[in-house]
Amino acid sequence: MSKTDHLASPETPPKLDKAAYEKELQRLQSELVAMQQWVIETGERIILIFEGRDAAGKGSAIKRITQYLNPRHTRVVALPAPTEREKTQWYFQRYIQHLPAAGEIVIMDRSWYNRAGVERVMGFCTEQEYHRFLRQAPDFERMLVEDGIRLIKYWFSVSDEEQEARFRSRAEDPMRRWKLSPMDVESITRWEDYSRAKDAMFAATDLPGARWVTIESEDKKRSRINVIHDILQRIPWNYVEPQSIEIPKRPAERDTHYERPPRDQFVYAEDVAKELERKPRTAAKKKAPAKKK
């Protein structure tokens, strides 16, 4: 029996129609662009936390969210393991420097909740550090919210069977094998440990003002649509009339007094793309009219 985060057996959702999915995804992405303009104009500060099982679809959802957003005002934070120096700091210290300034959206691909998940299960923190985190996290997030930061926390839920299938798919794909770490593989044998850690984390940190929003992710396409829609619903944004931009006419060359240096003075990349050029169509020969019998 398949086990989800709630140790229940979910029904596999029907596949989405590809054309309908792509159309809706593009519509939602255009809404995200409009929402970001509102964030910039109003000086809002947004934090989106993405947590969940390994291979639950967090990364692919983040890619669709950020695909058309202005990268100057959107940052994805995915921190590596802490250095020896960082291990001696207050736990939240290295995350503080990544908090958003006015007009910014910060997406955390995993966050300070590493301590409640992988660090807890794999023994990378002490019992004292773990329980201190569960006490401090609500206060830390409460301070962020009270200061005006909009904080939304997403948990991507996937069954053990689907997770294993995605792991096997990654292992067989040389383009995605880097996504599969020894830690990921070990999580298969520690499913129940991660479930207990997630339940304890929710019990301590699913609080008013910073609730957890669960995204069912058995179907990645469905989860992408649902999480983008949820973001657009939870942030109270409005359309901002874009500024009119007029493209000036380019001045005539005789007015610029500029002469380009000879091309043979520069190094150019080989035009290997020419092998992909579309071949010209040959004119079809006219067929002779059929003789009547």
Protein backbone atom coordinates (compact mmCIF):
# COMPACT_ATOMS: atom_id res chain seq x y z
CA MET A 1 0.00 0.00 0.00
CA SER A 2 1.28 3.42 -0.95
CA LYS A 3 2.00 5.80 1.91
CA THR A 4 1.67 9.56 1.68
CA ASP A 5 2.72 12.07 4.32
CA HIS A 6 -0.52 11.24 6.14
CA LEU A 7 0.05 7.49 5.79
CA ALA A 8 -3.03 7.12 3.61
CA SER A 9 -3.35 5.63 0.14
CA PRO A 10 -4.20 8.41 -2.34
CA GLU A 11 -6.02 7.80 -5.57
CA THR A 12 -3.83 8.51 -8.58
CA PRO A 13 -5.34 11.63 -10.16
CA PRO A 14 -6.28 11.56 -13.85
CA LYS A 15 -3.68 12.99 -16.21
CA LEU A 16 -4.24 16.56 -17.35
CA ASP A 17 -4.94 17.36 -20.98
CA LYS A 18 -1.58 18.63 -22.33
CA ALA A 19 -2.97 21.49 -24.41
CA ALA A 20 -5.28 22.63 -21.62
CA TYR A 21 -2.40 22.43 -19.10
CA GLU A 22 -0.04 24.50 -21.24
CA LYS A 23 -2.71 27.13 -21.92
CA GLU A 24 -3.60 27.47 -18.24
CA LEU A 25 0.06 27.51 -17.19
CA GLN A 26 0.76 30.37 -19.58
CA ARG A 27 -2.25 32.29 -18.28
CA LEU A 28 -1.13 31.85 -14.67
CA GLN A 29 2.44 32.83 -15.54
CA SER A 30 1.19 36.06 -17.11
CA GLU A 31 -0.70 36.72 -13.86
CA LEU A 32 2.52 36.15 -11.92
CA VAL A 33 4.25 38.78 -14.07
CA ALA A 34 1.44 41.23 -13.31
CA MET A 35 1.61 40.36 -9.60
CA GLN A 36 5.36 40.95 -9.55
CA GLN A 37 4.84 44.42 -11.02
CA TRP A 38 2.49 45.16 -8.11
CA VAL A 39 5.13 43.88 -5.67
CA ILE A 40 7.73 46.19 -7.22
CA GLU A 41 5.45 49.23 -7.33
CA THR A 42 4.19 48.82 -3.76
CA GLY A 43 7.49 47.74 -2.17
CA GLU A 44 5.99 44.50 -0.86
CA ARG A 45 8.28 41.77 0.50
CA ILE A 46 7.35 38.16 -0.26
CA ILE A 47 8.84 34.88 1.01
CA LEU A 48 7.67 31.60 -0.50
CA ILE A 49 8.97 28.50 1.29
CA PHE A 50 8.99 25.23 -0.64
CA GLU A 51 9.41 22.11 1.48
CA GLY A 52 8.47 18.47 1.02
CA ARG A 53 9.73 15.01 0.25
CA ASP A 54 12.71 14.52 -2.05
CA ALA A 55 11.53 14.35 -5.68
CA ALA A 56 8.16 15.83 -4.73
CA GLY A 57 8.28 18.35 -7.57
CA LYS A 58 9.43 21.48 -5.74
CA GLY A 59 12.17 22.34 -8.22
CA SER A 60 10.06 22.00 -11.35
CA ALA A 61 7.31 24.12 -9.78
CA ILE A 62 9.83 26.85 -8.91
CA LYS A 63 11.09 26.83 -12.52
CA ARG A 64 7.58 27.47 -13.84
CA ILE A 65 6.99 30.21 -11.29
CA THR A 66 10.19 32.10 -12.10
CA GLN A 67 10.25 31.42 -15.85
CA TYR A 68 9.03 34.87 -16.91
CA LEU A 69 9.61 36.89 -13.73
CA ASN A 70 12.14 39.71 -13.56
CA PRO A 71 15.27 38.10 -12.03
CA ARG A 72 16.34 41.46 -10.57
CA HIS A 73 13.37 41.29 -8.23
CA THR A 74 13.07 37.50 -7.78
CA ARG A 75 15.63 35.26 -6.08
CA VAL A 76 15.68 31.51 -5.55
CA VAL A 77 17.58 30.57 -2.38
CA ALA A 78 18.89 27.00 -2.16
CA LEU A 79 21.64 26.98 0.44
CA PRO A 80 24.29 24.24 0.60
CA ALA A 81 25.30 22.48 3.80
CA PRO A 82 26.54 24.99 6.41
CA THR A 83 30.25 25.65 6.73
CA GLU A 84 32.13 25.00 9.95
CA ARG A 85 31.87 28.70 10.77
CA GLU A 86 28.12 28.81 10.04
CA LYS A 87 27.58 25.85 12.33
CA THR A 88 28.70 28.04 15.24
CA GLN A 89 26.22 30.82 14.39
CA TRP A 90 22.66 31.23 15.59
CA TYR A 91 20.79 28.77 13.41
CA PHE A 92 18.61 31.37 11.63
CA GLN A 93 21.55 33.72 11.05
CA ARG A 94 22.58 32.55 7.59
CA TYR A 95 19.00 32.77 6.35
CA ILE A 96 18.48 36.36 7.48
CA GLN A 97 20.83 37.76 4.83
CA HIS A 98 18.56 36.27 2.14
CA LEU A 99 15.33 37.90 3.35
CA PRO A 100 13.65 40.16 0.77
CA ALA A 101 14.01 43.92 0.54
CA ALA A 102 11.23 46.17 -0.82
CA GLY A 103 9.88 44.97 -4.16
CA GLU A 104 11.45 41.52 -3.93
CA ILE A 105 10.14 37.95 -4.03
CA VAL A 106 12.35 35.31 -2.40
CA ILE A 107 11.64 31.64 -3.07
CA MET A 108 13.33 29.23 -0.69
CA ASP A 109 13.97 25.82 -2.21
CA ARG A 110 14.17 24.28 1.24
CA SER A 111 14.68 26.65 4.12
CA TRP A 112 15.34 26.82 7.84
CA TYR A 113 13.04 23.80 8.08
CA ASN A 114 16.02 21.61 7.13
CA ARG A 115 16.58 21.34 10.87
CA ALA A 116 13.12 19.85 11.41
CA GLY A 117 13.52 17.44 8.51
CA VAL A 118 16.78 16.05 7.17
CA GLU A 119 18.93 17.26 10.09
CA ARG A 120 16.55 15.66 12.57
CA VAL A 121 16.23 12.35 10.72
CA MET A 122 19.87 12.00 9.69
CA GLY A 123 21.27 13.05 13.07
CA PHE A 124 22.97 16.23 11.84
CA CYS A 125 21.77 18.18 14.86
CA THR A 126 21.48 17.40 18.57
CA GLU A 127 18.22 16.84 20.42
CA GLN A 128 18.74 20.18 22.15
CA GLU A 129 19.27 22.01 18.83
CA TYR A 130 16.19 20.35 17.33
CA HIS A 131 13.83 21.23 20.18
CA ARG A 132 15.26 24.76 20.36
CA PHE A 133 14.42 25.15 16.68
CA LEU A 134 10.81 24.06 17.19
CA ARG A 135 10.47 26.66 19.95
CA GLN A 136 12.19 29.48 18.08
CA ALA A 137 10.79 29.00 14.54
CA PRO A 138 7.28 30.30 15.38
CA ASP A 139 8.75 33.38 17.10
CA PHE A 140 11.14 33.99 14.20
CA GLU A 141 8.33 33.78 11.64
CA ARG A 142 6.05 35.90 13.80
CA MET A 143 8.67 38.66 13.75
CA LEU A 144 8.88 38.45 9.96
CA VAL A 145 5.11 38.71 9.57
CA GLU A 146 4.82 41.54 12.11
CA ASP A 147 7.45 43.47 10.16
CA GLY A 148 5.25 43.31 7.05
CA ILE A 149 6.81 40.39 5.18
CA ARG A 150 4.27 38.13 3.49
CA LEU A 151 5.28 34.54 4.34
CA ILE A 152 3.69 31.54 2.61
CA LYS A 153 4.87 28.00 3.37
CA TYR A 154 4.20 25.13 0.94
CA TRP A 155 4.57 21.43 1.63
CA PHE A 156 4.70 19.20 -1.49
CA SER A 157 3.18 15.83 -0.66
CA VAL A 158 3.95 12.68 -2.64
CA SER A 159 3.48 8.96 -2.05
CA ASP A 160 6.35 6.57 -1.42
CA GLU A 161 5.61 4.67 -4.64
CA GLU A 162 5.71 7.81 -6.78
CA GLN A 163 8.85 9.03 -5.03
CA GLU A 164 10.63 5.73 -5.73
CA ALA A 165 9.52 5.83 -9.38
CA ARG A 166 10.95 9.34 -9.76
CA PHE A 167 14.21 8.27 -8.11
CA ARG A 168 14.55 5.37 -10.56
CA SER A 169 13.79 7.68 -13.48
CA ARG A 170 16.55 10.06 -12.36
CA ALA A 171 19.03 7.23 -11.90
CA GLU A 172 18.48 6.13 -15.51
CA ASP A 173 18.67 9.65 -17.00
CA PRO A 174 22.25 11.02 -17.37
CA MET A 175 20.84 14.56 -17.69
CA ARG A 176 19.11 14.37 -14.31
CA ARG A 177 21.29 11.95 -12.37
CA TRP A 178 22.89 14.84 -10.48
CA LYS A 179 19.54 15.37 -8.75
CA LEU A 180 19.89 12.01 -7.00
CA SER A 181 22.16 12.17 -3.95
CA PRO A 182 23.01 9.39 -1.46
CA MET A 183 20.84 11.30 1.02
CA ASP A 184 17.89 11.03 -1.34
CA VAL A 185 18.36 7.29 -1.75
CA GLU A 186 18.53 6.77 2.01
CA SER A 187 15.26 8.64 2.47
CA ILE A 188 13.47 5.65 0.90
CA THR A 189 14.40 3.46 3.87
CA ARG A 190 13.55 6.22 6.36
CA TRP A 191 10.05 7.06 5.12
CA GLU A 192 8.38 6.66 8.52
CA ASP A 193 11.14 8.67 10.25
CA TYR A 194 10.54 11.56 7.85
CA SER A 195 6.78 11.22 8.37
CA ARG A 196 7.17 11.53 12.16
CA ALA A 197 9.49 14.51 11.72
CA LYS A 198 7.03 16.22 9.37
CA ASP A 199 4.11 15.63 11.77
CA ALA A 200 6.09 17.12 14.67
CA MET A 201 7.12 20.09 12.52
CA PHE A 202 3.52 20.80 11.53
CA ALA A 203 2.34 20.50 15.14
CA ALA A 204 4.87 23.12 16.27
CA THR A 205 4.86 25.54 13.32
CA ASP A 206 1.46 25.38 11.58
CA LEU A 207 0.25 28.50 13.35
CA PRO A 208 -1.99 31.51 12.55
CA GLY A 209 -0.20 33.94 10.29
CA ALA A 210 2.21 31.26 9.05
CA ARG A 211 0.10 28.23 8.13
CA TRP A 212 1.38 25.35 6.02
CA VAL A 213 -0.33 24.88 2.64
CA THR A 214 -0.16 21.31 1.34
CA ILE A 215 0.23 20.75 -2.41
CA GLU A 216 -0.69 17.26 -3.56
CA SER A 217 2.08 16.32 -6.00
CA GLU A 218 1.39 12.84 -7.34
CA ASP A 219 1.04 14.61 -10.71
CA LYS A 220 3.67 17.33 -11.17
CA LYS A 221 1.69 19.24 -13.78
CA ARG A 222 -1.33 19.38 -11.49
CA SER A 223 0.82 20.57 -8.57
CA ARG A 224 2.37 23.38 -10.66
CA ILE A 225 -1.04 24.71 -11.66
CA ASN A 226 -2.35 24.45 -8.10
CA VAL A 227 0.62 26.13 -6.37
CA ILE A 228 0.74 29.07 -8.81
CA HIS A 229 -3.01 29.57 -8.46
CA ASP A 230 -2.69 29.47 -4.67
CA ILE A 231 0.09 32.08 -4.66
CA LEU A 232 -2.03 34.40 -6.79
CA GLN A 233 -4.98 33.92 -4.43
CA ARG A 234 -3.12 34.41 -1.14
CA ILE A 235 -1.27 37.58 -2.10
CA PRO A 236 -3.79 40.49 -2.28
CA TRP A 237 -2.33 42.07 -5.42
CA ASN A 238 -3.90 44.36 -7.99
CA TYR A 239 -3.13 45.11 -11.60
CA VAL A 240 -0.75 48.02 -12.05
CA GLU A 241 -0.99 49.99 -15.29
CA PRO A 242 2.37 49.49 -17.02
CA GLN A 243 4.29 52.57 -18.01
CA SER A 244 4.14 53.46 -21.68
CA ILE A 245 7.44 52.85 -23.45
CA GLU A 246 8.25 54.57 -26.72
CA ILE A 247 11.03 53.10 -28.83
CA PRO A 248 12.97 55.95 -30.52
CA LYS A 249 14.02 55.80 -34.13
CA ARG A 250 17.63 54.85 -34.71
CA PRO A 251 19.68 57.76 -36.08
CA ALA A 252 21.04 57.45 -39.60
CA GLU A 253 24.60 56.13 -39.86
CA ARG A 254 25.78 59.34 -41.50
CA ASP A 255 24.80 61.21 -38.34
CA THR A 256 26.68 58.94 -35.91
CA HIS A 257 30.08 59.14 -37.62
CA TYR A 258 30.78 55.55 -36.60
CA GLU A 259 32.52 52.98 -38.77
CA ARG A 260 32.62 49.37 -37.65
CA PRO A 261 36.09 47.72 -37.60
CA PRO A 262 36.70 44.96 -40.18
CA ARG A 263 35.16 41.62 -39.18
CA ASP A 264 38.40 39.73 -39.75
CA GLN A 265 39.88 41.40 -36.65
CA PHE A 266 37.56 39.44 -34.35
CA VAL A 267 37.14 35.80 -33.35
CA TYR A 268 33.72 34.30 -34.10
CA ALA A 269 32.19 31.03 -32.96
CA GLU A 270 31.83 28.44 -35.70
CA ASP A 271 28.37 28.53 -37.24
CA VAL A 272 27.51 24.88 -36.62
CA ALA A 273 23.83 25.86 -36.48
CA LYS A 274 23.87 26.17 -40.27
CA GLU A 275 23.43 22.38 -40.37
CA LEU A 276 19.99 22.97 -38.93
CA GLU A 277 18.88 25.45 -41.59
CA ARG A 278 15.55 24.83 -43.20
CA LYS A 279 16.00 23.40 -46.68
CA PRO A 280 14.28 25.37 -49.45
CA ARG A 281 11.29 23.61 -50.89
CA THR A 282 11.52 22.57 -54.51
CA ALA A 283 8.65 23.56 -56.74
CA ALA A 284 6.28 20.65 -57.20
CA LYS A 285 6.05 19.41 -60.73
CA LYS A 286 2.72 19.93 -62.34
CA LYS A 287 0.92 16.72 -63.03
CA ALA A 288 -0.22 16.14 -66.57
CA PRO A 289 -3.99 15.98 -66.84
CA ALA A 290 -5.30 12.43 -66.84
CA LYS A 291 -6.46 11.12 -70.19
CA LYS A 292 -10.09 10.30 -70.50
CA LYS A 293 -10.90 6.84 -71.55
